[in-house]
C-alpha atoms as a PDB file:
ATOM      1  CA  MET A   1      71.805   3.543 -70.958  1.00  0.00           C
ATOM      2  CA  GLN A   2      68.270   3.673 -69.847  1.00  0.00           C
ATOM      3  CA  GLN A   3      65.081   3.248 -71.839  1.00  0.00           C
ATOM      4  CA  GLN A   4      61.573   2.586 -70.588  1.00  0.00           C
ATOM      5  CA  ALA A   5      60.682   0.436 -67.596  1.00  0.00           C
ATOM      6  CA  VAL A   6      59.546  -3.074 -68.470  1.00  0.00           C
ATOM      7  CA  SER A   7      58.080  -4.484 -65.244  1.00  0.00           C
ATOM      8  CA  MET A   8      58.135  -4.478 -61.426  1.00  0.00           C
ATOM      9  CA  ILE A   9      60.175  -7.320 -59.922  1.00  0.00           C
ATOM     10  CA  SER A  10      62.147  -8.090 -56.771  1.00  0.00           C
ATOM     11  CA  GLU A  11      65.907  -7.663 -56.545  1.00  0.00           C
ATOM     12  CA  ALA A  12      66.364 -11.461 -56.353  1.00  0.00           C
ATOM     13  CA  GLU A  13      64.189 -11.961 -59.457  1.00  0.00           C
ATOM     14  CA  TYR A  14      66.200  -9.324 -61.308  1.00  0.00           C
ATOM     15  CA  ILE A  15      69.522 -11.009 -60.475  1.00  0.00           C
ATOM     16  CA  GLU A  16      68.221 -14.451 -61.453  1.00  0.00           C
ATOM     17  CA  GLN A  17      66.851 -13.107 -64.738  1.00  0.00           C
ATOM     18  CA  GLU A  18      69.922 -10.980 -65.475  1.00  0.00           C
ATOM     19  CA  ARG A  19      72.343 -13.880 -65.097  1.00  0.00           C
ATOM     20  CA  THR A  20      70.732 -15.689 -68.040  1.00  0.00           C
ATOM     21  CA  ALA A  21      69.563 -12.718 -70.116  1.00  0.00           C
ATOM     22  CA  GLU A  22      70.977 -11.999 -73.549  1.00  0.00           C
ATOM     23  CA  ILE A  23      70.403  -8.260 -73.124  1.00  0.00           C
ATOM     24  CA  LYS A  24      71.675  -6.364 -70.086  1.00  0.00           C
ATOM     25  CA  SER A  25      69.243  -4.366 -67.980  1.00  0.00           C
ATOM     26  CA  GLU A  26      69.558  -1.934 -65.118  1.00  0.00           C
ATOM     27  CA  TYR A  27      67.456  -2.287 -61.992  1.00  0.00           C
ATOM     28  CA  TYR A  28      66.132   0.387 -59.667  1.00  0.00           C
ATOM     29  CA  GLN A  29      63.325   0.284 -57.089  1.00  0.00           C
ATOM     30  CA  GLY A  30      61.545  -2.730 -58.564  1.00  0.00           C
ATOM     31  CA  GLU A  31      61.840  -1.699 -62.200  1.00  0.00           C
ATOM     32  CA  ILE A  32      64.126  -3.059 -64.881  1.00  0.00           C
ATOM     33  CA  PHE A  33      65.368  -0.938 -67.739  1.00  0.00           C
ATOM     34  CA  ALA A  34      66.682  -2.485 -70.956  1.00  0.00           C
ATOM     35  CA  MET A  35      69.998  -0.976 -71.979  1.00  0.00           C
ATOM     36  CA  ALA A  36      70.537   0.345 -75.480  1.00  0.00           C
ATOM     37  CA  GLY A  37      73.482  -0.880 -77.533  1.00  0.00           C
ATOM     38  CA  ALA A  38      76.594   1.251 -77.820  1.00  0.00           C
ATOM     39  CA  SER A  39      77.868   2.906 -80.994  1.00  0.00           C
ATOM     40  CA  ARG A  40      81.122   2.007 -82.720  1.00  0.00           C
ATOM     41  CA  LYS A  41      82.770   5.219 -81.482  1.00  0.00           C
ATOM     42  CA  HIS A  42      81.578   4.545 -77.921  1.00  0.00           C
ATOM     43  CA  ASN A  43      83.093   1.057 -78.014  1.00  0.00           C
ATOM     44  CA  LEU A  44      86.413   2.307 -79.401  1.00  0.00           C
ATOM     45  CA  ILE A  45      86.683   4.955 -76.667  1.00  0.00           C
ATOM     46  CA  VAL A  46      85.922   2.357 -73.988  1.00  0.00           C
ATOM     47  CA  ALA A  47      88.526  -0.012 -75.484  1.00  0.00           C
ATOM     48  CA  ASN A  48      91.111   2.790 -75.513  1.00  0.00           C
ATOM     49  CA  VAL A  49      90.382   3.645 -71.874  1.00  0.00           C
ATOM     50  CA  ILE A  50      90.666   0.013 -70.780  1.00  0.00           C
ATOM     51  CA  GLY A  51      93.909  -0.382 -72.730  1.00  0.00           C
ATOM     52  CA  GLU A  52      95.443   2.707 -71.142  1.00  0.00           C
ATOM     53  CA  LEU A  53      94.367   1.718 -67.643  1.00  0.00           C
ATOM     54  CA  ARG A  54      95.537  -1.874 -68.025  1.00  0.00           C
ATOM     55  CA  TYR A  55      98.980  -0.689 -69.097  1.00  0.00           C
ATOM     56  CA  GLN A  56      99.295   1.889 -66.321  1.00  0.00           C
ATOM     57  CA  LEU A  57      97.934  -0.419 -63.599  1.00  0.00           C
ATOM     58  CA  LYS A  58      99.993  -3.452 -64.612  1.00  0.00           C
ATOM     59  CA  ASN A  59     102.133  -3.543 -61.448  1.00  0.00           C
ATOM     60  CA  LYS A  60      99.530  -2.158 -59.054  1.00  0.00           C
ATOM     61  CA  PRO A  61      96.972  -4.079 -56.940  1.00  0.00           C
ATOM     62  CA  CYS A  62      94.097  -2.832 -59.124  1.00  0.00           C
ATOM     63  CA  ARG A  63      91.683  -4.449 -61.569  1.00  0.00           C
ATOM     64  CA  THR A  64      89.897  -2.828 -64.487  1.00  0.00           C
ATOM     65  CA  TYR A  65      86.445  -4.076 -65.490  1.00  0.00           C
ATOM     66  CA  PRO A  66      84.501  -3.413 -68.708  1.00  0.00           C
ATOM     67  CA  SER A  67      80.747  -2.964 -68.923  1.00  0.00           C
ATOM     68  CA  ASP A  68      79.928  -6.629 -68.399  1.00  0.00           C
ATOM     69  CA  MET A  69      80.670  -6.260 -64.672  1.00  0.00           C
ATOM     70  CA  ARG A  70      77.532  -5.209 -62.835  1.00  0.00           C
ATOM     71  CA  LEU A  71      77.662  -2.613 -60.032  1.00  0.00           C
ATOM     72  CA  LYS A  72      75.289  -2.440 -57.087  1.00  0.00           C
ATOM     73  CA  THR A  73      74.946   0.843 -55.244  1.00  0.00           C
ATOM     74  CA  GLU A  74      74.026  -0.617 -51.866  1.00  0.00           C
ATOM     75  CA  ALA A  75      72.675   2.635 -50.412  1.00  0.00           C
ATOM     76  CA  THR A  76      70.076   3.087 -53.159  1.00  0.00           C
ATOM     77  CA  GLY A  77      69.615  -0.370 -54.686  1.00  0.00           C
ATOM     78  CA  LEU A  78      70.635   0.690 -58.208  1.00  0.00           C
ATOM     79  CA  TYR A  79      72.147  -2.073 -60.332  1.00  0.00           C
ATOM     80  CA  THR A  80      73.932  -0.811 -63.409  1.00  0.00           C
ATOM     81  CA  TYR A  81      76.760  -1.567 -65.834  1.00  0.00           C
ATOM     82  CA  PRO A  82      79.291   1.286 -65.947  1.00  0.00           C
ATOM     83  CA  ASP A  83      81.442   1.421 -69.073  1.00  0.00           C
ATOM     84  CA  VAL A  84      84.623   0.992 -66.998  1.00  0.00           C
ATOM     85  CA  MET A  85      85.291   0.410 -63.302  1.00  0.00           C
ATOM     86  CA  VAL A  86      88.579   0.186 -61.423  1.00  0.00           C
ATOM     87  CA  VAL A  87      88.939  -1.313 -57.971  1.00  0.00           C
ATOM     88  CA  CYS A  88      92.176  -1.401 -56.013  1.00  0.00           C
ATOM     89  CA  GLY A  89      92.840  -3.711 -53.107  1.00  0.00           C
ATOM     90  CA  ASP A  90      90.201  -6.126 -51.884  1.00  0.00           C
ATOM     91  CA  GLU A  91      87.147  -6.450 -54.071  1.00  0.00           C
ATOM     92  CA  LYS A  92      83.705  -6.843 -52.556  1.00  0.00           C
ATOM     93  CA  PHE A  93      80.903  -8.630 -54.363  1.00  0.00           C
ATOM     94  CA  THR A  94      77.262  -9.303 -53.516  1.00  0.00           C
ATOM     95  CA  ASP A  95      77.755 -13.090 -53.495  1.00  0.00           C
ATOM     96  CA  GLU A  96      80.039 -15.977 -54.441  1.00  0.00           C
ATOM     97  CA  ARG A  97      79.214 -15.587 -58.163  1.00  0.00           C
ATOM     98  CA  GLN A  98      81.366 -12.430 -58.134  1.00  0.00           C
ATOM     99  CA  ASP A  99      79.405 -10.815 -60.952  1.00  0.00           C
ATOM    100  CA  THR A 100      78.183  -7.758 -59.028  1.00  0.00           C
ATOM    101  CA  LEU A 101      80.850  -5.416 -57.670  1.00  0.00           C
ATOM    102  CA  LEU A 102      80.204  -3.241 -54.614  1.00  0.00           C
ATOM    103  CA  ASN A 103      83.358  -1.160 -54.156  1.00  0.00           C
ATOM    104  CA  PRO A 104      84.880   0.520 -57.215  1.00  0.00           C
ATOM    105  CA  ASP A 105      87.413   3.310 -56.690  1.00  0.00           C
ATOM    106  CA  VAL A 106      86.820   4.795 -60.149  1.00  0.00           C
ATOM    107  CA  ILE A 107      83.803   4.698 -62.473  1.00  0.00           C
ATOM    108  CA  ILE A 108      84.048   5.872 -66.079  1.00  0.00           C
ATOM    109  CA  GLU A 109      81.115   6.499 -68.397  1.00  0.00           C
ATOM    110  CA  VAL A 110      81.315   7.377 -72.090  1.00  0.00           C
ATOM    111  CA  LEU A 111      78.481   9.793 -72.785  1.00  0.00           C
ATOM    112  CA  SER A 112      75.993   9.261 -75.589  1.00  0.00           C
ATOM    113  CA  ASP A 113      72.974  11.286 -76.682  1.00  0.00           C
ATOM    114  CA  SER A 114      70.567   8.802 -75.089  1.00  0.00           C
ATOM    115  CA  THR A 115      72.384   8.550 -71.736  1.00  0.00           C
ATOM    116  CA  GLU A 116      74.168  11.846 -71.106  1.00  0.00           C
ATOM    117  CA  SER A 117      71.533  13.495 -68.915  1.00  0.00           C
ATOM    118  CA  TYR A 118      71.085  10.257 -66.918  1.00  0.00           C
ATOM    119  CA  ASP A 119      74.867   9.778 -66.523  1.00  0.00           C
ATOM    120  CA  ARG A 120      75.237  13.378 -65.308  1.00  0.00           C
ATOM    121  CA  GLY A 121      72.114  13.389 -63.156  1.00  0.00           C
ATOM    122  CA  ARG A 122      70.367  10.520 -61.438  1.00  0.00           C
ATOM    123  CA  LYS A 123      73.099   7.962 -62.116  1.00  0.00           C
ATOM    124  CA  PHE A 124      75.799  10.242 -60.676  1.00  0.00           C
ATOM    125  CA  GLN A 125      73.515  10.898 -57.678  1.00  0.00           C
ATOM    126  CA  ASN A 126      73.468   7.151 -57.053  1.00  0.00           C
ATOM    127  CA  TYR A 127      77.186   6.707 -57.683  1.00  0.00           C
ATOM    128  CA  ARG A 128      78.002   9.379 -55.080  1.00  0.00           C
ATOM    129  CA  LYS A 129      76.517   7.037 -52.481  1.00  0.00           C
ATOM    130  CA  VAL A 130      79.071   4.299 -53.264  1.00  0.00           C
ATOM    131  CA  GLY A 131      81.323   4.644 -50.208  1.00  0.00           C
ATOM    132  CA  SER A 132      84.500   3.474 -51.955  1.00  0.00           C
ATOM    133  CA  LEU A 133      84.118   5.758 -54.991  1.00  0.00           C
ATOM    134  CA  LYS A 134      86.846   8.371 -55.244  1.00  0.00           C
ATOM    135  CA  GLU A 135      86.551   9.474 -58.870  1.00  0.00           C
ATOM    136  CA  TYR A 136      83.819   9.624 -61.502  1.00  0.00           C
ATOM    137  CA  VAL A 137      84.860  10.304 -65.083  1.00  0.00           C
ATOM    138  CA  MET A 138      82.665  11.223 -68.040  1.00  0.00           C
ATOM    139  CA  ILE A 139      84.072  11.128 -71.566  1.00  0.00           C
ATOM    140  CA  SER A 140      82.339  12.835 -74.474  1.00  0.00           C
ATOM    141  CA  GLN A 141      81.780  11.117 -77.812  1.00  0.00           C
ATOM    142  CA  HIS A 142      81.127  14.405 -79.623  1.00  0.00           C
ATOM    143  CA  CYS A 143      84.254  16.372 -78.749  1.00  0.00           C
ATOM    144  CA  ARG A 144      87.637  15.683 -77.193  1.00  0.00           C
ATOM    145  CA  LYS A 145      86.658  16.250 -73.576  1.00  0.00           C
ATOM    146  CA  ILE A 146      87.098  14.395 -70.309  1.00  0.00           C
ATOM    147  CA  GLU A 147      85.405  15.515 -67.084  1.00  0.00           C
ATOM    148  CA  ARG A 148      86.704  14.133 -63.797  1.00  0.00           C
ATOM    149  CA  PHE A 149      84.870  14.497 -60.515  1.00  0.00           C
ATOM    150  CA  HIS A 150      86.874  13.571 -57.431  1.00  0.00           C
ATOM    151  CA  LYS A 151      85.936  13.498 -53.791  1.00  0.00           C
ATOM    152  CA  ASN A 152      88.101  15.898 -51.779  1.00  0.00           C
ATOM    153  CA  GLU A 153      89.043  15.677 -48.086  1.00  0.00           C
ATOM    154  CA  LYS A 154      85.763  17.441 -47.160  1.00  0.00           C
ATOM    155  CA  GLN A 155      83.827  14.748 -49.048  1.00  0.00           C
ATOM    156  CA  GLN A 156      82.819  17.292 -51.720  1.00  0.00           C
ATOM    157  CA  TRP A 157      82.824  16.391 -55.410  1.00  0.00           C
ATOM    158  CA  VAL A 158      85.172  18.669 -57.381  1.00  0.00           C
ATOM    159  CA  LEU A 159      85.299  18.942 -61.183  1.00  0.00           C
ATOM    160  CA  THR A 160      88.474  18.933 -63.298  1.00  0.00           C
ATOM    161  CA  GLU A 161      88.190  19.102 -67.094  1.00  0.00           C
ATOM    162  CA  SER A 162      90.497  18.518 -69.994  1.00  0.00           C
ATOM    163  CA  ASP A 163      90.969  21.367 -72.478  1.00  0.00           C
ATOM    164  CA  LYS A 164      93.559  22.640 -74.990  1.00  0.00           C
ATOM    165  CA  GLU A 165      95.951  23.685 -72.217  1.00  0.00           C
ATOM    166  CA  ASN A 166      95.324  20.487 -70.231  1.00  0.00           C
ATOM    167  CA  PRO A 167      95.062  17.640 -72.768  1.00  0.00           C
ATOM    168  CA  SER A 168      94.939  14.948 -70.100  1.00  0.00           C
ATOM    169  CA  VAL A 169      93.232  14.130 -66.822  1.00  0.00           C
ATOM    170  CA  PHE A 170      95.091  12.554 -63.918  1.00  0.00           C
ATOM    171  CA  LEU A 171      93.200  10.014 -61.818  1.00  0.00           C
ATOM    172  CA  GLU A 172      94.814  10.563 -58.431  1.00  0.00           C
ATOM    173  CA  SER A 173      93.237   7.623 -56.622  1.00  0.00           C
ATOM    174  CA  ILE A 174      94.814   5.089 -58.974  1.00  0.00           C
ATOM    175  CA  GLY A 175      97.813   7.086 -60.269  1.00  0.00           C
ATOM    176  CA  CYS A 176      96.800   6.963 -63.941  1.00  0.00           C
ATOM    177  CA  GLU A 177      96.640   9.600 -66.644  1.00  0.00           C
ATOM    178  CA  LEU A 178      94.074   9.662 -69.441  1.00  0.00           C
ATOM    179  CA  GLU A 179      95.451  11.588 -72.422  1.00  0.00           C
ATOM    180  CA  LEU A 180      93.000  12.870 -74.997  1.00  0.00           C
ATOM    181  CA  SER A 181      95.224  11.693 -77.861  1.00  0.00           C
ATOM    182  CA  GLU A 182      95.130   8.113 -76.545  1.00  0.00           C
ATOM    183  CA  ILE A 183      91.476   8.046 -75.499  1.00  0.00           C
ATOM    184  CA  TYR A 184      90.311   9.320 -78.907  1.00  0.00           C
ATOM    185  CA  ASP A 185      92.838   7.321 -80.963  1.00  0.00           C
ATOM    186  CA  LYS A 186      91.261   6.064 -84.227  1.00  0.00           C
ATOM    187  CA  THR A 187      87.881   7.678 -83.416  1.00  0.00           C
ATOM    188  CA  GLU A 188      88.125  11.093 -85.084  1.00  0.00           C
ATOM    189  CA  ASP A 189      86.688  10.017 -88.452  1.00  0.00           C
ATOM    190  CA  ILE A 190      83.731   8.168 -86.913  1.00  0.00           C
ATOM    191  CA  SER A 191      80.412   9.840 -86.222  1.00  0.00           C
ATOM    192  CA  SER A 192      78.842   9.152 -82.820  1.00  0.00           C
END
């Protein structure tokens, strides 16, 4: 959810500022980027995803985080707020405040007009450098479509998509299924 750069600051200054800010911002290579607000449809899709994951992960050693949990891509220095993250097993954070996660297994982004090219491009480039990441999921707001990228045994990212014949996507790394009917529940009559 990137807009224009506001200023050049250090990573420590960004974290200090971000912890008291009313508006979330991303950080990359000394620049901070104010994040745009999400639409009603975007929020409903995110809520549906979190609800489905919470239910399916109830008896597993996994935690699901909404977009208020910050992610740091250590290899590139990108700080961002994915719509949904899942981490199984031990969680790693940047410090004792535990407000910046380092090791998600799954990252999910709901695409919007203002962020789609970023989510598919530069952001996914950064996410691929998160060593723990096994699956990256993008969910459309405009049509009933889920795209799942997973890292195979050769460390290559492979795409699986939902369609009419495959109305769900299975997240192998966490053993959860995202069904289109559940993810888009109560969103069909809402414009993006």
